[in-house]
Amino acid sequence: MQVPGIPANEAERIQVLQDLLILDTDPEDRYDAITAYCRSRFTVKIVLISLVDTNRQWFKSNCGLDASETSRDISFCGHAILSDDILEIPDALDDIRFQDNPLVLGYPHIRFYAGAPLKLSSGHAIGTLCLIDSKPKHMAGEEKRHLKTLAHTVVMEIESGRASLPG
């Protein structure tokens, strides 16, 4: 298993994430509606809005997974925030980075993963909108475009929430 790398701007990225005051907050319909839509649109078992913190990934919205967070060391999303593009893993059992990952070998038995980075207007990737399934899958180009658009929608919601914070 390959542990996710650390972004060059990690300290600044973590500070920006913490300044959003979104970690460990209650579920919100505006995010849950996006993950529920994605689950149906992309025909996958799990959709998450995952925020990659220092040692964990915490799920602001979770559709289909019985967990609120996982360790960053075993996260797929920790890898996804290192790129500007979607990280697609058609079959985790065929990918050396993930084939012995506990999330692949055990619950939730990840085979397919696609994560679109949540990149703020400041340029910081704070997490992902990700799709997960227990069966291998490939995304078509149109599906990738839709996922990127939906990830941008999540970013707009996060940034509009930040604008309404007091202070």
N, C-alpha and C. Protein backbone atom coordinates (compact mmCIF):
# COMPACT_ATOMS: atom_id res chain seq x y z
N MET A 1 0.84 -1.18 0.00
CA MET A 1 0.00 0.00 0.00
C MET A 1 0.89 1.24 0.00
N GLN A 2 0.51 2.19 -0.81
CA GLN A 2 1.25 3.45 -0.88
C GLN A 2 0.51 4.51 -0.08
N VAL A 3 1.19 5.10 0.90
CA VAL A 3 0.62 6.19 1.71
C VAL A 3 0.56 7.44 0.84
N PRO A 4 -0.51 8.22 0.92
CA PRO A 4 -0.61 9.43 0.10
C PRO A 4 0.55 10.40 0.38
N GLY A 5 0.99 11.07 -0.66
CA GLY A 5 2.00 12.10 -0.50
C GLY A 5 1.43 13.33 0.18
N ILE A 6 2.30 14.24 0.54
CA ILE A 6 1.89 15.47 1.21
C ILE A 6 2.07 16.63 0.23
N PRO A 7 1.03 17.44 0.03
CA PRO A 7 1.18 18.59 -0.87
C PRO A 7 2.27 19.55 -0.40
N ALA A 8 2.92 20.23 -1.33
CA ALA A 8 4.00 21.17 -1.00
C ALA A 8 3.50 22.29 -0.08
N ASN A 9 2.24 22.67 -0.24
CA ASN A 9 1.67 23.76 0.56
C ASN A 9 0.84 23.24 1.73
N GLU A 10 1.21 22.09 2.30
CA GLU A 10 0.39 21.40 3.29
C GLU A 10 0.02 22.26 4.50
N ALA A 11 0.97 22.94 5.11
CA ALA A 11 0.66 23.73 6.31
C ALA A 11 -0.37 24.81 5.98
N GLU A 12 -0.18 25.47 4.87
CA GLU A 12 -1.11 26.52 4.44
C GLU A 12 -2.47 25.91 4.09
N ARG A 13 -2.46 24.76 3.41
CA ARG A 13 -3.70 24.08 3.02
C ARG A 13 -4.52 23.68 4.25
N ILE A 14 -3.86 23.14 5.25
CA ILE A 14 -4.55 22.75 6.49
C ILE A 14 -5.12 23.98 7.19
N GLN A 15 -4.37 25.06 7.22
CA GLN A 15 -4.87 26.29 7.85
C GLN A 15 -6.11 26.80 7.13
N VAL A 16 -6.08 26.79 5.80
CA VAL A 16 -7.25 27.24 5.02
C VAL A 16 -8.45 26.34 5.33
N LEU A 17 -8.23 25.03 5.39
CA LEU A 17 -9.31 24.09 5.70
C LEU A 17 -9.87 24.38 7.09
N GLN A 18 -9.02 24.58 8.07
CA GLN A 18 -9.50 24.86 9.43
C GLN A 18 -10.23 26.20 9.51
N ASP A 19 -9.75 27.19 8.75
CA ASP A 19 -10.40 28.51 8.75
C ASP A 19 -11.81 28.47 8.19
N LEU A 20 -12.13 27.44 7.40
CA LEU A 20 -13.48 27.32 6.84
C LEU A 20 -14.52 26.98 7.92
N LEU A 21 -14.06 26.48 9.07
CA LEU A 21 -14.95 26.08 10.17
C LEU A 21 -16.01 25.08 9.71
N ILE A 22 -15.60 24.16 8.85
CA ILE A 22 -16.53 23.17 8.31
C ILE A 22 -16.30 21.78 8.91
N LEU A 23 -15.10 21.53 9.40
CA LEU A 23 -14.79 20.21 9.96
C LEU A 23 -15.66 19.91 11.17
N ASP A 24 -16.14 18.67 11.25
CA ASP A 24 -16.93 18.18 12.38
C ASP A 24 -18.24 18.94 12.58
N THR A 25 -18.77 19.51 11.50
CA THR A 25 -20.07 20.17 11.56
C THR A 25 -21.17 19.18 11.21
N ASP A 26 -22.39 19.55 11.50
CA ASP A 26 -23.54 18.69 11.22
C ASP A 26 -23.74 18.53 9.71
N PRO A 27 -24.42 17.45 9.32
CA PRO A 27 -24.78 17.30 7.90
C PRO A 27 -25.64 18.47 7.43
N GLU A 28 -25.54 18.77 6.15
CA GLU A 28 -26.33 19.86 5.57
C GLU A 28 -26.98 19.38 4.28
N ASP A 29 -28.25 19.74 4.11
CA ASP A 29 -29.01 19.30 2.94
C ASP A 29 -28.34 19.68 1.63
N ARG A 30 -27.72 20.86 1.58
CA ARG A 30 -27.11 21.32 0.32
C ARG A 30 -25.99 20.39 -0.14
N TYR A 31 -25.28 19.77 0.77
CA TYR A 31 -24.23 18.81 0.40
C TYR A 31 -24.81 17.41 0.20
N ASP A 32 -25.74 17.03 1.07
CA ASP A 32 -26.35 15.71 0.98
C ASP A 32 -27.13 15.53 -0.32
N ALA A 33 -27.72 16.61 -0.83
CA ALA A 33 -28.44 16.54 -2.11
C ALA A 33 -27.48 16.24 -3.25
N ILE A 34 -26.28 16.79 -3.19
CA ILE A 34 -25.29 16.54 -4.23
C ILE A 34 -24.81 15.09 -4.20
N THR A 35 -24.51 14.57 -3.00
CA THR A 35 -24.03 13.19 -2.93
C THR A 35 -25.13 12.19 -3.31
N ALA A 36 -26.37 12.48 -2.92
CA ALA A 36 -27.48 11.59 -3.29
C ALA A 36 -27.67 11.60 -4.81
N TYR A 37 -27.60 12.78 -5.41
CA TYR A 37 -27.72 12.88 -6.87
C TYR A 37 -26.59 12.08 -7.54
N CYS A 38 -25.37 12.26 -7.07
CA CYS A 38 -24.22 11.56 -7.66
C CYS A 38 -24.38 10.05 -7.57
N ARG A 39 -24.88 9.58 -6.46
CA ARG A 39 -25.04 8.12 -6.28
C ARG A 39 -25.96 7.55 -7.35
N SER A 40 -27.03 8.28 -7.64
CA SER A 40 -27.97 7.84 -8.67
C SER A 40 -27.40 8.07 -10.08
N ARG A 41 -26.84 9.22 -10.31
CA ARG A 41 -26.33 9.61 -11.64
C ARG A 41 -25.20 8.69 -12.12
N PHE A 42 -24.29 8.33 -11.21
CA PHE A 42 -23.12 7.55 -11.59
C PHE A 42 -23.27 6.05 -11.26
N THR A 43 -24.40 5.68 -10.67
CA THR A 43 -24.70 4.29 -10.33
C THR A 43 -23.56 3.64 -9.54
N VAL A 44 -23.27 4.24 -8.38
CA VAL A 44 -22.25 3.72 -7.48
C VAL A 44 -22.87 3.52 -6.10
N LYS A 45 -22.19 2.75 -5.26
CA LYS A 45 -22.71 2.46 -3.92
C LYS A 45 -22.45 3.59 -2.92
N ILE A 46 -21.34 4.30 -3.11
CA ILE A 46 -20.92 5.29 -2.11
C ILE A 46 -20.50 6.58 -2.81
N VAL A 47 -20.93 7.70 -2.25
CA VAL A 47 -20.46 9.02 -2.68
C VAL A 47 -20.14 9.82 -1.42
N LEU A 48 -18.98 10.47 -1.44
CA LEU A 48 -18.54 11.24 -0.28
C LEU A 48 -18.08 12.64 -0.69
N ILE A 49 -18.32 13.57 0.18
CA ILE A 49 -17.60 14.84 0.16
C ILE A 49 -16.61 14.71 1.30
N SER A 50 -15.36 14.48 0.92
CA SER A 50 -14.30 14.15 1.87
C SER A 50 -13.36 15.34 2.01
N LEU A 51 -13.11 15.74 3.24
CA LEU A 51 -12.17 16.83 3.52
C LEU A 51 -10.93 16.23 4.16
N VAL A 52 -9.79 16.47 3.53
CA VAL A 52 -8.53 15.84 3.95
C VAL A 52 -7.84 16.73 4.97
N ASP A 53 -7.90 16.31 6.22
CA ASP A 53 -7.31 17.02 7.36
C ASP A 53 -5.89 16.46 7.60
N THR A 54 -5.26 16.88 8.66
CA THR A 54 -3.88 16.49 8.94
C THR A 54 -3.69 14.99 8.97
N ASN A 55 -4.49 14.28 9.76
CA ASN A 55 -4.31 12.84 9.93
C ASN A 55 -5.54 12.02 9.56
N ARG A 56 -6.54 12.65 9.00
CA ARG A 56 -7.77 11.95 8.69
C ARG A 56 -8.42 12.57 7.46
N GLN A 57 -9.35 11.82 6.91
CA GLN A 57 -10.28 12.42 5.95
C GLN A 57 -11.65 12.33 6.62
N TRP A 58 -12.30 13.48 6.69
CA TRP A 58 -13.60 13.58 7.35
C TRP A 58 -14.65 13.83 6.29
N PHE A 59 -15.81 13.20 6.44
CA PHE A 59 -16.85 13.26 5.43
C PHE A 59 -17.92 14.28 5.79
N LYS A 60 -17.93 15.39 5.04
CA LYS A 60 -18.97 16.40 5.23
C LYS A 60 -20.31 15.85 4.79
N SER A 61 -20.29 15.05 3.74
CA SER A 61 -21.51 14.36 3.29
C SER A 61 -21.13 12.94 2.93
N ASN A 62 -22.00 12.04 3.29
CA ASN A 62 -21.71 10.62 3.17
C ASN A 62 -22.98 9.91 2.71
N CYS A 63 -22.94 9.38 1.52
CA CYS A 63 -24.09 8.64 1.00
C CYS A 63 -23.65 7.21 0.74
N GLY A 64 -24.01 6.30 1.65
CA GLY A 64 -23.75 4.89 1.43
C GLY A 64 -22.63 4.26 2.23
N LEU A 65 -21.95 5.02 3.08
CA LEU A 65 -20.83 4.47 3.86
C LEU A 65 -21.13 4.61 5.35
N ASP A 66 -20.88 3.56 6.09
CA ASP A 66 -21.12 3.57 7.53
C ASP A 66 -19.85 4.01 8.26
N ALA A 67 -19.47 5.27 8.05
CA ALA A 67 -18.29 5.85 8.72
C ALA A 67 -18.36 7.36 8.55
N SER A 68 -17.77 8.09 9.48
CA SER A 68 -17.73 9.55 9.36
C SER A 68 -16.34 10.06 8.99
N GLU A 69 -15.35 9.18 9.09
CA GLU A 69 -13.98 9.54 8.73
C GLU A 69 -13.15 8.26 8.63
N THR A 70 -11.98 8.40 7.99
CA THR A 70 -10.98 7.33 7.98
C THR A 70 -9.61 7.97 8.12
N SER A 71 -8.64 7.17 8.41
CA SER A 71 -7.27 7.65 8.52
C SER A 71 -6.78 8.15 7.16
N ARG A 72 -6.08 9.26 7.16
CA ARG A 72 -5.52 9.80 5.92
C ARG A 72 -4.53 8.82 5.29
N ASP A 73 -3.81 8.07 6.13
CA ASP A 73 -2.80 7.13 5.63
C ASP A 73 -3.35 6.08 4.68
N ILE A 74 -4.62 5.73 4.82
CA ILE A 74 -5.22 4.72 3.95
C ILE A 74 -6.21 5.31 2.97
N SER A 75 -6.30 6.63 2.93
CA SER A 75 -7.30 7.29 2.10
C SER A 75 -6.91 7.32 0.62
N PHE A 76 -7.88 7.16 -0.22
CA PHE A 76 -7.71 7.37 -1.66
C PHE A 76 -7.72 8.88 -1.92
N CYS A 77 -8.53 9.61 -1.18
CA CYS A 77 -8.68 11.05 -1.39
C CYS A 77 -7.38 11.81 -1.11
N GLY A 78 -6.55 11.28 -0.20
CA GLY A 78 -5.25 11.89 0.05
C GLY A 78 -4.38 11.90 -1.20
N HIS A 79 -4.56 10.90 -2.04
CA HIS A 79 -3.86 10.85 -3.33
C HIS A 79 -4.50 11.83 -4.31
N ALA A 80 -5.83 11.89 -4.29
CA ALA A 80 -6.57 12.69 -5.28
C ALA A 80 -6.30 14.19 -5.14
N ILE A 81 -6.04 14.67 -3.93
CA ILE A 81 -5.82 16.12 -3.77
C ILE A 81 -4.47 16.57 -4.31
N LEU A 82 -3.63 15.63 -4.72
CA LEU A 82 -2.30 15.97 -5.24
C LEU A 82 -2.34 16.35 -6.72
N SER A 83 -3.50 16.22 -7.35
CA SER A 83 -3.63 16.50 -8.78
C SER A 83 -4.78 17.47 -9.02
N ASP A 84 -4.71 18.14 -10.16
CA ASP A 84 -5.82 19.01 -10.56
C ASP A 84 -6.92 18.23 -11.27
N ASP A 85 -6.62 17.01 -11.67
CA ASP A 85 -7.55 16.22 -12.45
C ASP A 85 -8.18 15.14 -11.56
N ILE A 86 -9.19 14.49 -12.09
CA ILE A 86 -9.84 13.39 -11.39
C ILE A 86 -8.86 12.23 -11.25
N LEU A 87 -8.82 11.65 -10.06
CA LEU A 87 -8.09 10.40 -9.86
C LEU A 87 -9.09 9.28 -10.04
N GLU A 88 -8.90 8.48 -11.09
CA GLU A 88 -9.79 7.35 -11.34
C GLU A 88 -9.00 6.06 -11.17
N ILE A 89 -9.52 5.19 -10.34
CA ILE A 89 -8.96 3.86 -10.12
C ILE A 89 -10.03 2.87 -10.58
N PRO A 90 -9.92 2.36 -11.82
CA PRO A 90 -10.96 1.45 -12.33
C PRO A 90 -11.10 0.17 -11.51
N ASP A 91 -9.96 -0.36 -11.01
CA ASP A 91 -10.00 -1.57 -10.18
C ASP A 91 -8.84 -1.52 -9.19
N ALA A 92 -9.15 -1.23 -7.95
CA ALA A 92 -8.12 -1.07 -6.92
C ALA A 92 -7.28 -2.33 -6.73
N LEU A 93 -7.85 -3.50 -7.02
CA LEU A 93 -7.08 -4.73 -6.88
C LEU A 93 -5.98 -4.84 -7.94
N ASP A 94 -6.10 -4.06 -9.01
CA ASP A 94 -5.10 -4.06 -10.07
C ASP A 94 -4.13 -2.88 -9.95
N ASP A 95 -4.26 -2.08 -8.92
CA ASP A 95 -3.42 -0.89 -8.75
C ASP A 95 -2.49 -1.10 -7.57
N ILE A 96 -1.19 -1.10 -7.83
CA ILE A 96 -0.18 -1.39 -6.80
C ILE A 96 -0.30 -0.46 -5.59
N ARG A 97 -0.79 0.76 -5.81
CA ARG A 97 -0.91 1.71 -4.70
C ARG A 97 -1.99 1.31 -3.71
N PHE A 98 -2.97 0.55 -4.17
CA PHE A 98 -4.15 0.31 -3.34
C PHE A 98 -4.50 -1.17 -3.12
N GLN A 99 -3.89 -2.10 -3.83
CA GLN A 99 -4.35 -3.48 -3.82
C GLN A 99 -4.30 -4.14 -2.44
N ASP A 100 -3.45 -3.66 -1.54
CA ASP A 100 -3.43 -4.23 -0.19
C ASP A 100 -3.95 -3.25 0.87
N ASN A 101 -4.66 -2.23 0.41
CA ASN A 101 -5.25 -1.23 1.31
C ASN A 101 -6.38 -1.88 2.11
N PRO A 102 -6.46 -1.60 3.42
CA PRO A 102 -7.54 -2.20 4.24
C PRO A 102 -8.95 -1.85 3.76
N LEU A 103 -9.10 -0.70 3.07
CA LEU A 103 -10.42 -0.32 2.55
C LEU A 103 -10.77 -1.09 1.28
N VAL A 104 -9.78 -1.75 0.70
CA VAL A 104 -9.98 -2.61 -0.47
C VAL A 104 -10.20 -4.05 0.01
N LEU A 105 -9.35 -4.50 0.92
CA LEU A 105 -9.42 -5.88 1.40
C LEU A 105 -10.56 -6.11 2.38
N GLY A 106 -10.99 -5.05 3.08
CA GLY A 106 -12.10 -5.12 4.03
C GLY A 106 -13.15 -4.08 3.69
N TYR A 107 -14.08 -3.87 4.63
CA TYR A 107 -15.15 -2.90 4.42
C TYR A 107 -14.56 -1.54 4.09
N PRO A 108 -15.03 -0.88 3.08
CA PRO A 108 -16.20 -1.11 2.21
C PRO A 108 -15.89 -1.85 0.91
N HIS A 109 -14.74 -2.54 0.86
CA HIS A 109 -14.35 -3.36 -0.29
C HIS A 109 -14.28 -2.54 -1.58
N ILE A 110 -13.50 -1.47 -1.53
CA ILE A 110 -13.38 -0.57 -2.68
C ILE A 110 -12.70 -1.28 -3.84
N ARG A 111 -13.35 -1.23 -4.98
CA ARG A 111 -12.73 -1.68 -6.24
C ARG A 111 -12.60 -0.47 -7.16
N PHE A 112 -13.68 0.29 -7.30
CA PHE A 112 -13.67 1.48 -8.15
C PHE A 112 -13.63 2.74 -7.28
N TYR A 113 -12.82 3.70 -7.69
CA TYR A 113 -12.75 4.99 -7.01
C TYR A 113 -12.53 6.07 -8.07
N ALA A 114 -13.26 7.16 -7.95
CA ALA A 114 -13.01 8.36 -8.76
C ALA A 114 -13.19 9.56 -7.85
N GLY A 115 -12.15 10.36 -7.71
CA GLY A 115 -12.20 11.53 -6.84
C GLY A 115 -11.83 12.79 -7.59
N ALA A 116 -12.72 13.76 -7.57
CA ALA A 116 -12.47 15.07 -8.17
C ALA A 116 -12.03 16.01 -7.05
N PRO A 117 -10.86 16.63 -7.17
CA PRO A 117 -10.39 17.53 -6.11
C PRO A 117 -11.34 18.71 -5.90
N LEU A 118 -11.51 19.09 -4.64
CA LEU A 118 -12.25 20.29 -4.29
C LEU A 118 -11.22 21.40 -4.13
N LYS A 119 -11.02 22.15 -5.20
CA LYS A 119 -9.99 23.18 -5.23
C LYS A 119 -10.65 24.54 -5.08
N LEU A 120 -10.31 25.22 -3.98
CA LEU A 120 -10.86 26.53 -3.70
C LEU A 120 -10.31 27.57 -4.67
N SER A 121 -10.95 28.73 -4.71
CA SER A 121 -10.47 29.81 -5.58
C SER A 121 -9.06 30.25 -5.20
N SER A 122 -8.64 29.97 -3.97
CA SER A 122 -7.28 30.28 -3.52
C SER A 122 -6.25 29.30 -4.09
N GLY A 123 -6.74 28.20 -4.69
CA GLY A 123 -5.85 27.20 -5.26
C GLY A 123 -5.59 26.01 -4.35
N HIS A 124 -6.12 26.04 -3.14
CA HIS A 124 -5.91 24.94 -2.18
C HIS A 124 -6.92 23.81 -2.41
N ALA A 125 -6.41 22.60 -2.55
CA ALA A 125 -7.27 21.42 -2.66
C ALA A 125 -7.54 20.90 -1.25
N ILE A 126 -8.78 21.03 -0.80
CA ILE A 126 -9.10 20.70 0.59
C ILE A 126 -9.72 19.31 0.74
N GLY A 127 -10.07 18.69 -0.37
CA GLY A 127 -10.70 17.38 -0.30
C GLY A 127 -11.18 16.95 -1.67
N THR A 128 -12.18 16.07 -1.68
CA THR A 128 -12.70 15.56 -2.94
C THR A 128 -14.21 15.34 -2.88
N LEU A 129 -14.79 15.31 -4.05
CA LEU A 129 -16.10 14.70 -4.25
C LEU A 129 -15.76 13.37 -4.89
N CYS A 130 -16.06 12.27 -4.20
CA CYS A 130 -15.60 10.98 -4.72
C CYS A 130 -16.72 9.95 -4.84
N LEU A 131 -16.52 9.09 -5.83
CA LEU A 131 -17.42 7.99 -6.14
C LEU A 131 -16.70 6.68 -5.82
N ILE A 132 -17.41 5.76 -5.19
CA ILE A 132 -16.81 4.48 -4.78
C ILE A 132 -17.79 3.36 -5.08
N ASP A 133 -17.23 2.23 -5.55
CA ASP A 133 -18.08 1.07 -5.74
C ASP A 133 -17.28 -0.19 -5.43
N SER A 134 -17.98 -1.26 -5.15
CA SER A 134 -17.34 -2.55 -4.84
C SER A 134 -17.14 -3.40 -6.09
N LYS A 135 -17.46 -2.82 -7.25
CA LYS A 135 -17.22 -3.49 -8.54
C LYS A 135 -16.33 -2.59 -9.39
N PRO A 136 -15.46 -3.17 -10.20
CA PRO A 136 -14.65 -2.36 -11.12
C PRO A 136 -15.54 -1.58 -12.09
N LYS A 137 -15.03 -0.44 -12.53
CA LYS A 137 -15.82 0.43 -13.41
C LYS A 137 -14.87 1.38 -14.12
N HIS A 138 -15.25 1.81 -15.30
CA HIS A 138 -14.52 2.87 -16.03
C HIS A 138 -15.48 4.02 -16.24
N MET A 139 -14.96 5.23 -16.15
CA MET A 139 -15.78 6.42 -16.40
C MET A 139 -15.58 6.87 -17.84
N ALA A 140 -16.67 7.24 -18.48
CA ALA A 140 -16.60 7.84 -19.81
C ALA A 140 -16.22 9.31 -19.64
N GLY A 141 -15.75 9.91 -20.73
CA GLY A 141 -15.35 11.32 -20.69
C GLY A 141 -16.46 12.23 -20.21
N GLU A 142 -17.69 11.98 -20.66
CA GLU A 142 -18.82 12.81 -20.25
C GLU A 142 -19.06 12.69 -18.74
N GLU A 143 -18.92 11.48 -18.21
CA GLU A 143 -19.10 11.28 -16.77
C GLU A 143 -18.05 12.07 -15.98
N LYS A 144 -16.82 12.07 -16.47
CA LYS A 144 -15.76 12.84 -15.80
C LYS A 144 -16.07 14.32 -15.82
N ARG A 145 -16.57 14.81 -16.93
CA ARG A 145 -16.95 16.24 -17.00
C ARG A 145 -18.06 16.56 -16.00
N HIS A 146 -19.03 15.66 -15.89
CA HIS A 146 -20.12 15.87 -14.92
C HIS A 146 -19.58 15.88 -13.49
N LEU A 147 -18.68 14.95 -13.19
CA LEU A 147 -18.12 14.89 -11.84
C LEU A 147 -17.34 16.17 -11.52
N LYS A 148 -16.56 16.66 -12.47
CA LYS A 148 -15.81 17.91 -12.26
C LYS A 148 -16.77 19.08 -12.01
N THR A 149 -17.85 19.14 -12.76
CA THR A 149 -18.84 20.21 -12.59
C THR A 149 -19.48 20.13 -11.21
N LEU A 150 -19.82 18.93 -10.78
CA LEU A 150 -20.42 18.76 -9.46
C LEU A 150 -19.43 19.09 -8.35
N ALA A 151 -18.16 18.75 -8.54
CA ALA A 151 -17.13 19.12 -7.56
C ALA A 151 -17.02 20.64 -7.47
N HIS A 152 -17.10 21.31 -8.60
CA HIS A 152 -17.06 22.78 -8.61
C HIS A 152 -18.27 23.34 -7.86
N THR A 153 -19.42 22.70 -8.01
CA THR A 153 -20.62 23.12 -7.29
C THR A 153 -20.40 23.00 -5.78
N VAL A 154 -19.76 21.91 -5.34
CA VAL A 154 -19.44 21.75 -3.91
C VAL A 154 -18.53 22.87 -3.45
N VAL A 155 -17.52 23.19 -4.23
CA VAL A 155 -16.59 24.28 -3.87
C VAL A 155 -17.35 25.60 -3.75
N MET A 156 -18.25 25.88 -4.68
CA MET A 156 -19.02 27.12 -4.61
C MET A 156 -19.86 27.16 -3.33
N GLU A 157 -20.44 26.02 -2.95
CA GLU A 157 -21.21 25.96 -1.71
C GLU A 157 -20.32 26.20 -0.49
N ILE A 158 -19.15 25.59 -0.49
CA ILE A 158 -18.23 25.77 0.64
C ILE A 158 -17.81 27.23 0.73
N GLU A 159 -17.46 27.82 -0.40
CA GLU A 159 -17.00 29.21 -0.38
C GLU A 159 -18.13 30.19 -0.08
N SER A 160 -19.35 29.89 -0.49
CA SER A 160 -20.46 30.78 -0.15
C SER A 160 -20.78 30.67 1.34
N GLY A 161 -20.58 29.48 1.92
CA GLY A 161 -20.77 29.32 3.37
C GLY A 161 -19.74 30.09 4.15
N ARG A 162 -18.51 30.13 3.62
CA ARG A 162 -17.43 30.87 4.28
C ARG A 162 -17.74 32.36 4.26
N ALA A 163 -18.30 32.84 3.15
CA ALA A 163 -18.60 34.27 3.02
C ALA A 163 -19.65 34.72 4.03
N SER A 164 -20.50 33.78 4.48
CA SER A 164 -21.56 34.15 5.40
C SER A 164 -21.17 33.98 6.87
N LEU A 165 -19.93 33.54 7.12
CA LEU A 165 -19.50 33.39 8.51
C LEU A 165 -19.28 34.75 9.17
N PRO A 166 -19.60 34.87 10.43
CA PRO A 166 -19.35 36.15 11.11
C PRO A 166 -17.85 36.39 11.27
N GLY A 167 -17.48 37.65 11.35
CA GLY A 167 -16.09 37.97 11.65
C GLY A 167 -15.38 38.49 10.49
